[in-house]
Amino acid sequence: MALINRDNYLDKLKSLRDKHIIKIITGVRRCGKSTLLELFRDYLVSTGVPSDRILAINFEDFDNYKYRDPSVLYEHIKKSISESGEMHYLLLDEIQQVQNFSEVIDSLFLKNNVDLYVTGSNANLLSSEIATLISGRYIEIEMLPLSFKEFVRASGNGESDLQKKYSDYITFGSFPFVNELNGDEALVKDYLTGIYNTIVLKDVMFRKNISDNMMLESVVGFLFDNIGNALSTKRIADIMTSSGRKIDVKTLEKYISALVDSFVLYKARRYNVKGGQILKTMEKYYGVDVGLRNLLLSSRSFDAGRILENVVYLELLRRGNKVFVGKINNLEVDFVCINQEGVSYYQVAATGRDETTLSRELSSLEAIRDHYPKTILTLDEDPDADYNGIRRVNALKWLLSK
């Protein structure tokens, strides 16, 4: 399999090299965490680091099963570290497979000649107990499957025929290995089914002690079918119960928490733009990969606008934003993004050519009285436009921009 460069994440690791802090890479299974460690290992070798000072262990490889015992792992690593004082690089993949791994990490962190990189496929990796133990000693790098820009690069032929590539991106999904399957729908379906089943069985049902597989799948299907819709857990439970899938709010919250912890779903909380407050109810949910959504829903729920909204949401996360759903008076702003540089606002629509749609999208942004950037993203292949400081741009070109 050809390695797909993940420059955005690789540059982060390079910038943190030799910094005395634990680098923890999190993300859904098969999003490219192991490949990122391979790319980083190649980078280290290219800078002159001898191979005997790089120790890489994948804990999902059965050959390394014995190292899931923390005592065995720690002794193995200790023997691999020389007393010369030269820096050793530890690349530990899927660390959550190791019992009491936080104690091993904490002990390794005490060594001055160890630079530590770990990956994990479950947000429980940084549960309150673990975060307390290594508090102030780690930085989390949240990894997602391929961005549209990475997908276009991996598919070859530059930026030609973007509409076709976007169609493939939202049809087959963004997991890196999908690019190796050359658009074979049957193979892609089998591959995504394997990913989904592994996540559900290993990261959701087993780790959260969930036994009702059919109800869990009903919850997943409902949330994927309602991406971009404002929902409360009570409303979800009521809708599911009325359709014959009875579930109480407490159980539903447990299931949703497990799906978010496993990076299958992302929750966008609501933000009062006027008051600057995060609201407690009516969140929106987005899927980690549109291909998984297609797998679960087939073609019965294609909505170009909401799918684009999902793609944009994930891209805003990739660009280092905290992303909220905005509320301004009685209007809604699709995304309020907050980062070190300030705030930005986005509306997302499949098309802005319809005057009614354009007026609705503009009205939400016009109600915001600050001077931060405001953008409407559509799939229209029209020239960029400006409406009194509110930009309307082509979403695909925006996805390819820096």
Protein backbone atom coordinates (compact mmCIF):
# COMPACT_ATOMS: atom_id res chain seq x y z
CA MET A 1 0.00 0.00 0.00
CA ALA A 2 1.36 3.40 -1.01
CA LEU A 3 1.71 5.78 1.89
CA ILE A 4 -0.41 8.92 1.63
CA ASN A 5 1.39 11.93 3.00
CA ARG A 6 -0.45 13.52 5.92
CA ASP A 7 1.62 16.69 5.99
CA ASN A 8 -0.63 18.59 8.37
CA TYR A 9 -0.25 15.99 11.13
CA LEU A 10 3.35 15.11 10.28
CA ASP A 11 4.37 18.76 10.58
CA LYS A 12 2.85 18.85 14.06
CA LEU A 13 4.93 15.85 15.13
CA LYS A 14 8.06 17.39 13.64
CA SER A 15 7.46 20.62 15.53
CA LEU A 16 7.10 18.65 18.79
CA ARG A 17 10.16 16.45 18.27
CA ASP A 18 12.45 16.28 21.31
CA LYS A 19 10.04 18.40 23.32
CA HIS A 20 9.64 16.88 26.79
CA ILE A 21 5.96 16.17 26.42
CA ILE A 22 3.98 13.06 25.53
CA LYS A 23 2.49 13.18 22.03
CA ILE A 24 -0.89 11.37 22.01
CA ILE A 25 -2.51 10.84 18.60
CA THR A 26 -6.20 9.96 18.77
CA GLY A 27 -8.76 9.17 16.10
CA VAL A 28 -11.13 6.58 14.67
CA ARG A 29 -9.70 3.22 13.61
CA ARG A 30 -8.08 3.13 10.15
CA CYS A 31 -7.89 6.91 9.84
CA GLY A 32 -4.12 6.74 9.32
CA LYS A 33 -2.55 6.88 12.80
CA SER A 34 -0.26 3.89 12.15
CA THR A 35 0.75 5.34 8.79
CA LEU A 36 1.52 8.66 10.47
CA LEU A 37 3.91 6.88 12.84
CA GLU A 38 5.54 5.17 9.83
CA LEU A 39 5.97 8.52 8.10
CA PHE A 40 7.43 10.01 11.27
CA ARG A 41 9.81 7.06 11.63
CA ASP A 42 10.99 7.61 8.04
CA TYR A 43 11.50 11.28 8.84
CA LEU A 44 13.61 10.44 11.90
CA VAL A 45 15.79 8.07 9.87
CA SER A 46 16.19 10.73 7.16
CA THR A 47 17.56 13.13 9.77
CA GLY A 48 20.24 10.64 10.85
CA VAL A 49 18.62 8.89 13.81
CA PRO A 50 19.98 5.29 13.96
CA SER A 51 17.30 2.59 13.71
CA ASP A 52 18.35 1.12 17.08
CA ARG A 53 17.21 4.34 18.76
CA ILE A 54 13.69 4.04 17.32
CA LEU A 55 11.39 1.49 18.94
CA ALA A 56 7.99 1.00 17.27
CA ILE A 57 5.38 -1.39 18.69
CA ASN A 58 1.86 -1.98 17.34
CA PHE A 59 -0.15 -3.57 20.14
CA GLU A 60 -2.80 -4.88 17.75
CA ASP A 61 -0.16 -7.08 16.08
CA PHE A 62 -0.44 -10.53 17.68
CA ASP A 63 3.36 -10.82 17.56
CA ASN A 64 3.38 -8.11 20.21
CA TYR A 65 0.62 -9.60 22.34
CA LYS A 66 2.98 -10.26 25.27
CA TYR A 67 3.71 -6.54 25.52
CA ARG A 68 0.11 -5.86 26.53
CA ASP A 69 1.35 -6.84 29.98
CA PRO A 70 2.67 -3.51 31.36
CA SER A 71 5.55 -5.13 33.27
CA VAL A 72 6.75 -7.04 30.21
CA LEU A 73 6.43 -3.92 28.06
CA TYR A 74 8.32 -1.72 30.49
CA GLU A 75 11.19 -4.19 30.85
CA HIS A 76 11.42 -4.57 27.07
CA ILE A 77 11.60 -0.81 26.57
CA LYS A 78 14.14 -0.37 29.38
CA LYS A 79 16.45 -2.92 27.73
CA SER A 80 16.12 -1.07 24.44
CA ILE A 81 17.19 2.27 25.89
CA SER A 82 20.92 2.80 26.17
CA GLU A 83 22.53 4.64 29.05
CA SER A 84 24.43 6.93 26.68
CA GLY A 85 21.97 9.74 27.12
CA GLU A 86 21.17 9.88 23.40
CA MET A 87 17.52 10.45 22.59
CA HIS A 88 15.39 7.36 21.96
CA TYR A 89 12.10 7.58 20.10
CA LEU A 90 9.21 5.35 21.23
CA LEU A 91 6.31 4.92 18.80
CA LEU A 92 3.57 2.99 20.59
CA ASP A 93 0.54 2.23 18.40
CA GLU A 94 -2.94 1.50 19.86
CA ILE A 95 -1.68 1.89 23.42
CA GLN A 96 -5.14 1.30 24.91
CA GLN A 97 -4.53 -2.44 24.40
CA VAL A 98 -1.96 -2.34 27.23
CA GLN A 99 -3.29 -2.82 30.75
CA ASN A 100 -2.62 0.19 33.00
CA PHE A 101 -0.77 1.82 30.12
CA SER A 102 -0.90 5.24 31.79
CA GLU A 103 1.49 4.03 34.51
CA VAL A 104 3.95 2.82 31.87
CA ILE A 105 3.72 6.15 30.03
CA ASP A 106 4.18 8.09 33.25
CA SER A 107 7.31 6.10 34.13
CA LEU A 108 8.82 6.48 30.66
CA PHE A 109 8.17 10.20 30.77
CA LEU A 110 10.56 10.45 33.74
CA LYS A 111 13.47 9.44 31.50
CA ASN A 112 15.26 12.39 29.96
CA ASN A 113 16.38 10.50 26.85
CA VAL A 114 12.93 9.28 25.77
CA ASP A 115 10.70 11.03 23.23
CA LEU A 116 7.29 9.39 23.44
CA TYR A 117 4.57 9.11 20.77
CA VAL A 118 1.43 7.02 21.32
CA THR A 119 -1.80 6.45 19.41
CA GLY A 120 -5.25 5.31 20.49
CA SER A 121 -8.66 4.69 18.95
CA ASN A 122 -10.82 5.60 21.88
CA ALA A 123 -11.34 8.88 23.70
CA ASN A 124 -11.24 6.94 26.99
CA LEU A 125 -7.51 6.98 26.36
CA LEU A 126 -7.69 10.40 27.99
CA SER A 127 -10.35 9.69 30.60
CA SER A 128 -10.28 11.79 33.71
CA GLU A 129 -8.20 9.29 35.70
CA ILE A 130 -5.51 8.99 33.02
CA ALA A 131 -5.49 12.70 32.27
CA THR A 132 -4.99 13.36 35.98
CA LEU A 133 -2.02 10.99 36.14
CA ILE A 134 -0.23 12.59 33.19
CA SER A 135 -1.76 16.05 33.61
CA GLY A 136 0.31 18.77 31.99
CA ARG A 137 2.60 16.18 30.40
CA TYR A 138 0.84 15.46 27.12
CA ILE A 139 -0.50 17.12 24.03
CA GLU A 140 -3.32 15.53 22.04
CA ILE A 141 -3.28 15.48 18.26
CA GLU A 142 -6.76 14.63 17.02
CA MET A 143 -6.56 12.83 13.68
CA LEU A 144 -9.33 12.44 11.09
CA PRO A 145 -9.54 10.40 7.88
CA LEU A 146 -8.46 12.06 4.64
CA SER A 147 -9.49 15.63 3.96
CA PHE A 148 -10.84 16.37 0.50
CA LYS A 149 -7.50 17.99 -0.31
CA GLU A 150 -5.59 14.85 0.73
CA PHE A 151 -8.09 12.69 -1.17
CA VAL A 152 -7.57 14.74 -4.35
CA ARG A 153 -3.79 14.51 -4.03
CA ALA A 154 -3.92 10.75 -3.47
CA SER A 155 -6.19 10.19 -6.46
CA GLY A 156 -3.71 11.80 -8.88
CA ASN A 157 -4.24 14.11 -11.90
CA GLY A 158 -3.99 17.24 -9.82
CA GLU A 159 -7.11 19.31 -9.27
CA SER A 160 -8.85 18.39 -12.51
CA ASP A 161 -12.46 17.18 -12.52
CA LEU A 162 -13.15 18.26 -8.94
CA GLN A 163 -16.87 17.50 -9.14
CA LYS A 164 -16.15 13.85 -9.99
CA LYS A 165 -13.59 13.61 -7.20
CA TYR A 166 -16.00 15.15 -4.72
CA SER A 167 -18.65 12.66 -5.81
CA ASP A 168 -16.19 9.81 -5.17
CA TYR A 169 -15.19 11.35 -1.84
CA ILE A 170 -18.73 11.47 -0.49
CA THR A 171 -19.68 8.12 -2.05
CA PHE A 172 -16.75 5.93 -1.05
CA GLY A 173 -15.59 7.86 1.99
CA SER A 174 -12.35 9.25 3.33
CA PHE A 175 -10.56 6.29 4.92
CA PRO A 176 -7.08 6.18 3.35
CA PHE A 177 -7.18 2.55 2.15
CA VAL A 178 -10.28 3.27 0.06
CA ASN A 179 -7.93 4.87 -2.49
CA GLU A 180 -6.36 1.46 -3.06
CA LEU A 181 -9.72 -0.06 -4.09
CA ASN A 182 -10.01 1.94 -7.32
CA GLY A 183 -13.68 2.77 -6.95
CA ASP A 184 -14.79 -0.87 -6.79
CA GLU A 185 -18.10 -0.45 -4.96
CA ALA A 186 -18.29 -4.04 -3.73
CA LEU A 187 -14.76 -3.94 -2.30
CA VAL A 188 -15.36 -0.53 -0.69
CA LYS A 189 -18.56 -1.81 0.88
CA ASP A 190 -16.78 -4.88 2.30
CA TYR A 191 -13.93 -2.72 3.61
CA LEU A 192 -16.21 -0.17 5.28
CA THR A 193 -18.32 -2.98 6.74
CA GLY A 194 -15.17 -4.40 8.33
CA ILE A 195 -14.25 -1.01 9.80
CA TYR A 196 -17.75 -0.45 11.12
CA ASN A 197 -18.02 -3.90 12.68
CA THR A 198 -14.59 -3.57 14.31
CA ILE A 199 -15.45 -0.18 15.80
CA VAL A 200 -18.86 -1.31 17.03
CA LEU A 201 -17.61 -4.58 18.51
CA LYS A 202 -14.23 -3.50 19.93
CA ASP A 203 -14.56 0.17 20.73
CA VAL A 204 -18.25 0.52 21.53
CA MET A 205 -19.90 -2.70 22.70
CA PHE A 206 -16.94 -4.34 24.46
CA ARG A 207 -15.44 -1.29 26.12
CA LYS A 208 -18.80 0.20 27.15
CA ASN A 209 -20.37 -3.14 28.12
CA ILE A 210 -23.25 -2.76 25.66
CA SER A 211 -25.09 -5.98 24.82
CA ASP A 212 -27.99 -4.87 22.61
CA ASN A 213 -26.37 -4.75 19.18
CA MET A 214 -29.63 -4.12 17.29
CA MET A 215 -30.54 -1.12 19.42
CA LEU A 216 -27.02 0.28 19.09
CA GLU A 217 -27.24 -0.01 15.30
CA SER A 218 -30.62 1.72 15.41
CA VAL A 219 -29.07 4.64 17.30
CA VAL A 220 -26.15 4.84 14.86
CA GLY A 221 -28.48 4.76 11.88
CA PHE A 222 -30.76 7.41 13.35
CA LEU A 223 -27.90 9.82 14.08
CA PHE A 224 -26.26 9.32 10.68
CA ASP A 225 -29.65 9.89 9.07
CA ASN A 226 -30.02 13.15 11.02
CA ILE A 227 -26.61 14.76 10.60
CA GLY A 228 -26.97 18.51 10.86
CA ASN A 229 -30.32 18.37 12.67
CA ALA A 230 -30.59 19.97 16.11
CA LEU A 231 -31.50 17.19 18.54
CA SER A 232 -31.87 16.55 22.25
CA THR A 233 -31.50 13.08 23.72
CA LYS A 234 -35.13 13.22 24.87
CA ARG A 235 -36.31 14.06 21.38
CA ILE A 236 -34.22 11.24 19.89
CA ALA A 237 -35.58 8.76 22.43
CA ASP A 238 -39.16 9.91 21.77
CA ILE A 239 -38.80 9.60 17.99
CA MET A 240 -37.17 6.18 18.20
CA THR A 241 -39.77 4.94 20.69
CA SER A 242 -42.65 6.16 18.54
CA SER A 243 -41.20 4.25 15.57
CA GLY A 244 -41.12 1.01 17.53
CA ARG A 245 -37.55 1.11 18.89
CA LYS A 246 -38.21 1.85 22.55
CA ILE A 247 -35.23 3.32 24.39
CA ASP A 248 -34.94 5.45 27.53
CA VAL A 249 -32.91 8.64 27.70
CA LYS A 250 -30.27 7.25 30.08
CA THR A 251 -29.52 4.27 27.82
CA LEU A 252 -29.47 6.52 24.76
CA GLU A 253 -26.97 8.86 26.41
CA LYS A 254 -24.72 5.87 27.19
CA TYR A 255 -24.84 4.75 23.55
CA ILE A 256 -24.15 8.22 22.17
CA SER A 257 -21.28 8.71 24.60
CA ALA A 258 -19.75 5.43 23.42
CA LEU A 259 -20.06 6.44 19.76
CA VAL A 260 -18.49 9.85 20.39
CA ASP A 261 -15.69 8.27 22.47
CA SER A 262 -14.94 5.95 19.55
CA PHE A 263 -14.81 8.90 17.12
CA VAL A 264 -17.67 7.50 15.01
CA LEU A 265 -19.70 10.62 15.74
CA TYR A 266 -18.83 14.18 16.67
CA LYS A 267 -21.08 16.40 18.73
CA ALA A 268 -21.34 20.11 17.93
CA ARG A 269 -22.75 22.07 20.83
CA ARG A 270 -24.86 25.20 20.40
CA TYR A 271 -23.38 28.64 21.02
CA ASN A 272 -25.26 31.84 21.76
CA VAL A 273 -23.47 34.38 19.55
CA LYS A 274 -24.88 37.40 21.38
CA GLY A 275 -24.17 36.19 24.90
CA GLY A 276 -21.02 34.21 24.14
CA GLN A 277 -22.42 31.20 26.04
CA ILE A 278 -22.40 27.50 25.25
CA LEU A 279 -25.96 26.18 25.44
CA LYS A 280 -26.78 22.87 27.07
CA THR A 281 -29.39 21.43 24.72
CA MET A 282 -30.18 20.70 21.07
CA GLU A 283 -26.75 19.63 19.83
CA LYS A 284 -25.97 18.54 16.28
CA TYR A 285 -24.13 15.35 15.34
CA TYR A 286 -21.81 14.69 12.42
CA GLY A 287 -20.30 11.45 11.17
CA VAL A 288 -16.55 10.84 10.97
CA ASP A 289 -16.94 9.59 7.40
CA VAL A 290 -19.70 10.05 4.83
CA GLY A 291 -18.85 6.66 3.32
CA LEU A 292 -19.92 4.98 6.55
CA ARG A 293 -23.18 6.92 6.36
CA ASN A 294 -23.77 5.61 2.83
CA LEU A 295 -23.03 2.08 4.03
CA LEU A 296 -25.63 2.29 6.79
CA LEU A 297 -28.34 4.21 4.93
CA SER A 298 -27.72 3.13 1.32
CA SER A 299 -29.22 5.67 -1.05
CA ARG A 300 -32.38 6.35 0.87
CA SER A 301 -31.11 9.48 2.57
CA PHE A 302 -29.02 11.53 0.15
CA ASP A 303 -29.10 15.22 0.97
CA ALA A 304 -26.38 17.20 -0.81
CA GLY A 305 -26.61 20.13 1.59
CA ARG A 306 -26.32 18.13 4.79
CA ILE A 307 -23.55 15.94 3.39
CA LEU A 308 -21.60 19.07 2.44
CA GLU A 309 -22.27 20.43 5.93
CA ASN A 310 -20.74 17.26 7.40
CA VAL A 311 -17.67 17.58 5.16
CA VAL A 312 -17.22 21.25 6.08
CA TYR A 313 -17.61 20.54 9.81
CA LEU A 314 -14.78 17.98 9.76
CA GLU A 315 -12.60 20.32 7.70
CA LEU A 316 -13.09 23.12 10.22
CA LEU A 317 -11.93 20.72 12.95
CA ARG A 318 -8.86 19.83 10.87
CA ARG A 319 -7.99 23.50 10.66
CA GLY A 320 -7.70 23.76 14.42
CA ASN A 321 -11.06 25.27 15.30
CA LYS A 322 -13.42 24.66 18.15
CA VAL A 323 -16.64 24.36 16.19
CA PHE A 324 -20.09 25.21 17.48
CA VAL A 325 -23.57 25.59 16.04
CA GLY A 326 -24.51 29.26 16.33
CA LYS A 327 -27.72 30.82 17.63
CA ILE A 328 -28.42 34.48 17.02
CA ASN A 329 -31.88 35.69 18.10
CA ASN A 330 -34.23 33.19 16.44
CA LEU A 331 -31.80 32.43 13.63
CA GLU A 332 -29.18 29.73 13.26
CA VAL A 333 -25.60 29.94 12.03
CA ASP A 334 -24.32 26.61 10.76
CA PHE A 335 -20.87 26.98 12.30
CA VAL A 336 -19.18 29.34 14.73
CA CYS A 337 -15.43 28.68 14.77
CA ILE A 338 -13.14 29.85 17.53
CA ASN A 339 -9.37 29.59 17.41
CA GLN A 340 -6.29 31.53 18.47
CA GLU A 341 -6.84 34.06 15.70
CA GLY A 342 -10.40 34.88 16.69
CA VAL A 343 -13.86 33.91 15.44
CA SER A 344 -15.30 33.07 12.02
CA TYR A 345 -18.80 32.17 10.83
CA TYR A 346 -19.98 29.81 8.11
CA GLN A 347 -23.23 29.00 6.38
CA VAL A 348 -23.35 25.88 4.19
CA ALA A 349 -25.83 25.19 1.37
CA ALA A 350 -25.79 22.94 -1.68
CA THR A 351 -26.67 25.97 -3.81
CA GLY A 352 -27.09 29.69 -3.33
CA ARG A 353 -28.65 30.34 -6.73
CA ASP A 354 -32.17 30.22 -5.33
CA GLU A 355 -33.00 33.70 -4.02
CA THR A 356 -34.99 32.37 -1.06
CA THR A 357 -32.12 30.11 0.05
CA LEU A 358 -29.54 32.86 -0.41
CA SER A 359 -31.65 35.35 1.54
CA ARG A 360 -32.04 32.86 4.41
CA GLU A 361 -28.31 32.14 4.58
CA LEU A 362 -27.44 35.85 4.45
CA SER A 363 -29.95 36.86 7.12
CA SER A 364 -28.30 34.74 9.80
CA LEU A 365 -24.87 36.22 9.10
CA GLU A 366 -26.21 39.77 8.74
CA ALA A 367 -27.69 39.52 12.25
CA ILE A 368 -24.16 39.21 13.67
CA ARG A 369 -22.80 42.71 14.28
CA ASP A 370 -19.10 42.02 14.79
CA HIS A 371 -16.38 42.31 12.15
CA TYR A 372 -15.14 38.72 12.09
CA PRO A 373 -15.11 36.84 8.72
CA LYS A 374 -18.45 35.51 7.48
CA THR A 375 -18.65 33.01 4.62
CA ILE A 376 -21.32 31.12 2.69
CA LEU A 377 -20.08 27.87 1.14
CA THR A 378 -21.97 26.29 -1.77
CA LEU A 379 -21.31 23.75 -4.52
CA ASP A 380 -22.17 26.34 -7.19
CA GLU A 381 -19.42 26.77 -9.78
CA ASP A 382 -20.01 30.51 -9.89
CA PRO A 383 -17.52 33.33 -9.38
CA ASP A 384 -17.00 34.33 -5.76
CA ALA A 385 -19.41 37.02 -4.60
CA ASP A 386 -19.47 39.59 -1.82
CA TYR A 387 -22.60 40.80 -0.03
CA ASN A 388 -21.58 43.74 2.16
CA GLY A 389 -18.59 41.85 3.55
CA ILE A 390 -20.17 38.38 3.55
CA ARG A 391 -18.31 36.18 1.06
CA ARG A 392 -19.93 33.46 -1.01
CA VAL A 393 -17.35 30.97 -2.31
CA ASN A 394 -17.23 27.56 -3.94
CA ALA A 395 -16.94 24.91 -1.25
CA LEU A 396 -14.60 22.63 -3.23
CA LYS A 397 -12.11 25.43 -3.84
CA TRP A 398 -12.35 26.33 -0.15
CA LEU A 399 -11.69 22.71 0.83
CA LEU A 400 -8.52 22.80 -1.28
CA SER A 401 -7.32 26.11 0.16
CA LYS A 402 -4.85 26.50 3.02
